[in-house]
Amino acid sequence: MSIEGKTVLVTGANRGLGQALVDEALRRGAKRVYAASRQPITHPDGRVTPLILDVTDRAQIERAAESVKSLDILINNAGVSLPDDLSDRAAFEHHFDVNVYGPLMVTQALLPSLTQSRGRIVNVVSVGALAAVPILPAYSASKAAAFSVTQSLRALLAGRGVKVHAVLPGPIDTDMVRELPIPKTPPESVARVILDGVENGDEDIFPDPFSAMLADGWHASAAKELERQNAALVQAEPIAA
């Protein structure tokens, strides 16, 4: 799928990777980009339509879905990452609300439009889904769950013509991990590789040098093969002509 001429919605679009994804979609010729965030934002490009959207607020999700008349690509980018030690249940639940339940609710609300367009769902997960980061255990657990949900959606929606991509980045130079003393990749670079992967039809996208080291091993792994075998258990719905 080419981004040119398509309608894209990006959650968490006010800064960091979300902002970079909005700009990259515009650079590739997107017809309309819905920039969703919890706070009002402005953008100089007339193709951008701001949306107020807290992914944990069901009423806001429903209003946003009603305002989106058609959609080709949904990018579930909004997320949260806070240090914890698994002693605070509220912190654990907050990560799941934002990183798991929120994207799933947004996806379900916009699925009719995506089914009609035979569109794409892009879930920004993390390499932390594959191996936990112990200083961010609630974040890691939520991203592992988000990856599992992504794999299930991929199989369940294939028969409708909707493709589902998992993005598994390493550290990105955004506010979320800026204080960690580790190498980070600029969000603009990550956004380019993500949309390259969408256009190429890549199921799992490793969009930065750190995560790219894992790509070949993942694609050839027993876990990936098991995912393919499990997907075959789904009774695919026929794609309408």
Protein backbone atom coordinates (compact mmCIF):
# COMPACT_ATOMS: atom_id res chain seq x y z
CA MET A 1 0.00 0.00 0.00
CA SER A 2 1.31 3.42 -0.98
CA ILE A 3 0.71 6.23 1.49
CA GLU A 4 0.06 8.64 -1.38
CA GLY A 5 -3.59 9.62 -1.60
CA LYS A 6 -4.52 7.73 1.57
CA THR A 7 -6.21 8.85 4.79
CA VAL A 8 -4.19 8.20 7.94
CA LEU A 9 -4.96 8.54 11.64
CA VAL A 10 -2.11 8.78 14.16
CA THR A 11 -2.71 8.66 17.92
CA GLY A 12 -0.30 10.43 20.26
CA ALA A 13 0.39 12.87 17.42
CA ASN A 14 1.35 15.90 19.47
CA ARG A 15 5.05 15.11 19.90
CA GLY A 16 7.87 12.63 19.42
CA LEU A 17 7.25 9.68 17.14
CA GLY A 18 3.59 10.57 16.62
CA GLN A 19 4.46 14.02 15.31
CA ALA A 20 7.16 12.52 13.09
CA LEU A 21 4.67 9.99 11.68
CA VAL A 22 2.22 12.78 10.82
CA ASP A 23 4.94 14.71 8.99
CA GLU A 24 6.24 11.61 7.19
CA ALA A 25 2.75 10.66 6.00
CA LEU A 26 2.34 14.18 4.62
CA ARG A 27 5.73 13.97 2.91
CA ARG A 28 4.59 10.79 1.17
CA GLY A 29 1.48 12.46 -0.19
CA ALA A 30 -1.26 11.43 2.25
CA LYS A 31 -4.58 13.00 1.31
CA ARG A 32 -5.70 13.50 4.92
CA VAL A 33 -3.98 12.94 8.26
CA TYR A 34 -6.01 12.90 11.46
CA ALA A 35 -3.63 13.96 14.23
CA ALA A 36 -5.11 12.63 17.47
CA SER A 37 -3.93 13.73 20.91
CA ARG A 38 -5.27 14.47 24.36
CA GLN A 39 -4.60 18.21 23.98
CA PRO A 40 -5.52 20.54 21.09
CA ILE A 41 -2.78 20.85 18.49
CA THR A 42 -2.29 22.90 15.35
CA HIS A 43 -0.45 22.10 12.14
CA PRO A 44 0.45 24.38 9.23
CA ASP A 45 -0.54 21.80 6.58
CA GLY A 46 -4.19 22.00 5.60
CA ARG A 47 -4.33 18.23 5.11
CA VAL A 48 -4.04 17.73 8.88
CA THR A 49 -7.24 17.46 10.93
CA PRO A 50 -6.60 17.59 14.69
CA LEU A 51 -8.68 15.28 16.89
CA ILE A 52 -9.04 15.36 20.67
CA LEU A 53 -8.54 11.76 21.69
CA ASP A 54 -7.56 10.19 24.97
CA VAL A 55 -7.29 6.50 24.12
CA THR A 56 -8.59 5.57 27.58
CA ASP A 57 -11.79 7.62 27.14
CA ARG A 58 -14.46 5.57 25.38
CA ALA A 59 -16.69 8.61 24.74
CA GLN A 60 -13.84 10.50 23.06
CA ILE A 61 -13.03 7.44 20.97
CA GLU A 62 -16.63 7.18 19.79
CA ARG A 63 -16.76 10.89 18.90
CA ALA A 64 -13.50 10.64 17.00
CA ALA A 65 -14.72 7.60 15.07
CA GLU A 66 -17.91 9.43 14.11
CA SER A 67 -15.89 12.36 12.76
CA VAL A 68 -13.65 10.16 10.58
CA LYS A 69 -15.63 9.56 7.40
CA SER A 70 -13.13 7.18 5.80
CA LEU A 71 -9.80 5.69 6.82
CA ASP A 72 -7.05 3.71 5.14
CA ILE A 73 -4.37 3.49 7.83
CA LEU A 74 -4.67 3.57 11.63
CA ILE A 75 -1.42 4.06 13.54
CA ASN A 76 -1.83 3.25 17.23
CA ASN A 77 1.15 5.19 18.53
CA ALA A 78 -0.06 6.69 21.83
CA GLY A 79 1.61 5.08 24.82
CA VAL A 80 2.99 5.56 28.28
CA SER A 81 6.22 4.43 29.95
CA LEU A 82 6.89 5.14 33.62
CA PRO A 83 9.49 3.61 35.95
CA ASP A 84 8.11 1.20 38.54
CA ASP A 85 9.04 -1.93 40.48
CA LEU A 86 5.73 -3.82 40.21
CA SER A 87 4.81 -2.84 43.78
CA ASP A 88 2.11 -0.36 42.67
CA ARG A 89 -0.90 -2.04 41.08
CA ALA A 90 -2.28 1.32 39.96
CA ALA A 91 0.86 1.98 37.89
CA PHE A 92 0.59 -1.48 36.34
CA GLU A 93 -3.06 -0.95 35.44
CA HIS A 94 -2.33 2.51 34.01
CA HIS A 95 0.18 1.02 31.56
CA PHE A 96 -2.35 -1.56 30.42
CA ASP A 97 -5.11 1.04 30.08
CA VAL A 98 -3.00 3.18 27.75
CA ASN A 99 -0.85 0.60 25.96
CA VAL A 100 -3.28 -2.32 25.56
CA TYR A 101 -6.95 -1.51 26.15
CA GLY A 102 -6.77 1.95 24.60
CA PRO A 103 -5.38 0.91 21.19
CA LEU A 104 -7.79 -2.03 21.10
CA MET A 105 -10.79 0.25 21.74
CA VAL A 106 -9.60 2.69 19.06
CA THR A 107 -9.14 -0.18 16.61
CA GLN A 108 -12.60 -1.59 17.29
CA ALA A 109 -14.21 1.83 16.85
CA LEU A 110 -12.51 2.44 13.50
CA LEU A 111 -12.69 -1.12 12.18
CA PRO A 112 -15.77 -0.55 9.99
CA SER A 113 -13.93 2.16 8.04
CA LEU A 114 -10.77 0.06 7.81
CA THR A 115 -12.74 -2.96 6.64
CA GLN A 116 -14.43 -0.91 3.94
CA SER A 117 -11.08 0.37 2.65
CA ARG A 118 -9.26 -2.94 3.23
CA GLY A 119 -6.87 -0.83 5.18
CA ARG A 120 -3.95 -1.18 7.54
CA ILE A 121 -3.55 -1.18 11.32
CA VAL A 122 -0.10 -0.24 12.61
CA ASN A 123 0.51 -0.92 16.30
CA VAL A 124 3.62 0.66 17.78
CA VAL A 125 4.82 -1.94 20.28
CA SER A 126 8.45 -2.25 21.49
CA VAL A 127 11.35 -4.66 21.60
CA GLY A 128 10.45 -4.70 25.30
CA ALA A 129 7.63 -7.01 24.21
CA LEU A 130 10.24 -9.64 23.31
CA ALA A 131 12.49 -9.22 26.35
CA ALA A 132 11.44 -7.29 29.44
CA VAL A 133 13.29 -4.15 30.50
CA PRO A 134 13.47 -4.70 34.29
CA ILE A 135 13.53 -0.98 35.14
CA LEU A 136 10.27 -0.65 33.18
CA PRO A 137 8.47 -3.87 34.10
CA ALA A 138 4.87 -2.64 33.81
CA TYR A 139 5.67 -1.03 30.46
CA SER A 140 7.34 -4.23 29.23
CA ALA A 141 4.42 -6.38 30.35
CA SER A 142 1.91 -4.09 28.67
CA LYS A 143 3.87 -4.09 25.42
CA ALA A 144 4.11 -7.89 25.48
CA ALA A 145 0.33 -7.98 25.81
CA ALA A 146 -0.04 -5.41 23.04
CA PHE A 147 2.12 -7.54 20.76
CA SER A 148 0.00 -10.60 21.49
CA VAL A 149 -3.17 -8.63 20.72
CA THR A 150 -1.57 -7.45 17.48
CA GLN A 151 -0.79 -11.01 16.42
CA SER A 152 -4.37 -12.09 17.15
CA LEU A 153 -5.83 -9.14 15.24
CA ARG A 154 -3.57 -10.00 12.32
CA ALA A 155 -5.10 -13.46 12.05
CA LEU A 156 -8.66 -12.47 12.88
CA LEU A 157 -8.83 -9.59 10.38
CA ALA A 158 -6.96 -11.17 7.48
CA GLY A 159 -10.18 -12.49 5.97
CA ARG A 160 -11.61 -8.97 5.87
CA GLY A 161 -8.65 -7.71 3.86
CA VAL A 162 -7.26 -5.66 6.78
CA LYS A 163 -3.51 -6.08 7.34
CA VAL A 164 -2.01 -5.59 10.78
CA HIS A 165 1.59 -4.48 11.35
CA ALA A 166 3.58 -4.65 14.57
CA VAL A 167 6.29 -2.04 15.04
CA LEU A 168 9.01 -3.17 17.43
CA PRO A 169 11.36 -0.22 17.99
CA GLY A 170 14.28 0.08 20.30
CA PRO A 171 14.95 3.31 22.22
CA ILE A 172 13.73 6.42 20.38
CA ASP A 173 14.93 9.92 21.24
CA THR A 174 11.64 11.16 22.70
CA ASP A 175 10.48 12.41 26.09
CA MET A 176 9.50 8.86 27.06
CA VAL A 177 13.07 7.59 27.44
CA ARG A 178 15.13 10.76 27.13
CA GLU A 179 16.63 10.38 30.61
CA LEU A 180 17.87 6.82 30.06
CA PRO A 181 21.64 6.76 29.38
CA ILE A 182 21.41 4.63 26.23
CA PRO A 183 21.79 5.26 22.47
CA LYS A 184 18.56 6.47 20.88
CA THR A 185 17.32 6.90 17.31
CA PRO A 186 15.73 10.16 16.09
CA PRO A 187 11.96 9.81 15.70
CA GLU A 188 12.06 11.15 12.14
CA SER A 189 14.27 8.23 11.09
CA VAL A 190 12.02 5.73 12.86
CA ALA A 191 8.92 7.17 11.20
CA ARG A 192 10.47 6.78 7.74
CA VAL A 193 11.26 3.12 8.29
CA ILE A 194 7.83 2.43 9.78
CA LEU A 195 6.05 3.80 6.72
CA ASP A 196 8.52 1.99 4.45
CA GLY A 197 7.46 -1.20 6.20
CA VAL A 198 3.77 -0.43 5.76
CA GLU A 199 4.25 0.28 2.08
CA ASN A 200 6.27 -2.93 1.69
CA GLY A 201 3.67 -5.01 3.56
CA ASP A 202 6.04 -6.09 6.33
CA GLU A 203 4.18 -7.81 9.18
CA ASP A 204 6.77 -6.99 11.85
CA ILE A 205 8.77 -3.79 11.47
CA PHE A 206 12.09 -3.23 13.28
CA PRO A 207 12.62 0.47 12.52
CA ASP A 208 15.97 1.44 14.05
CA PRO A 209 19.53 0.12 14.26
CA PHE A 210 19.04 -1.41 17.71
CA SER A 211 15.89 -3.36 16.85
CA ALA A 212 17.10 -4.19 13.34
CA MET A 213 19.73 -6.47 14.91
CA LEU A 214 16.84 -8.69 16.04
CA ALA A 215 14.90 -8.72 12.78
CA ASP A 216 16.47 -11.67 10.96
CA GLY A 217 16.45 -13.82 14.08
CA TRP A 218 12.82 -13.01 14.77
CA HIS A 219 11.59 -13.72 11.25
CA ALA A 220 13.33 -17.12 11.28
CA SER A 221 12.43 -17.97 14.88
CA ALA A 222 10.34 -20.80 16.22
CA ALA A 223 8.09 -18.20 17.86
CA LYS A 224 7.31 -16.58 14.49
CA GLU A 225 6.65 -19.95 12.93
CA LEU A 226 4.32 -20.81 15.81
CA GLU A 227 2.46 -17.56 15.19
CA ARG A 228 1.92 -18.61 11.58
CA GLN A 229 0.70 -22.04 12.64
CA ASN A 230 -1.67 -20.57 15.20
CA ALA A 231 -3.04 -18.10 12.66
CA ALA A 232 -4.06 -21.03 10.49
CA LEU A 233 -6.53 -22.05 13.22
CA VAL A 234 -8.69 -19.04 12.38
CA GLN A 235 -11.59 -19.73 10.07
CA ALA A 236 -11.01 -16.88 7.67
CA GLU A 237 -13.98 -14.77 6.66
CA PRO A 238 -14.20 -14.43 2.86
CA ILE A 239 -13.28 -11.03 1.45
CA ALA A 240 -16.25 -9.36 -0.19
CA ALA A 241 -15.91 -8.77 -3.91
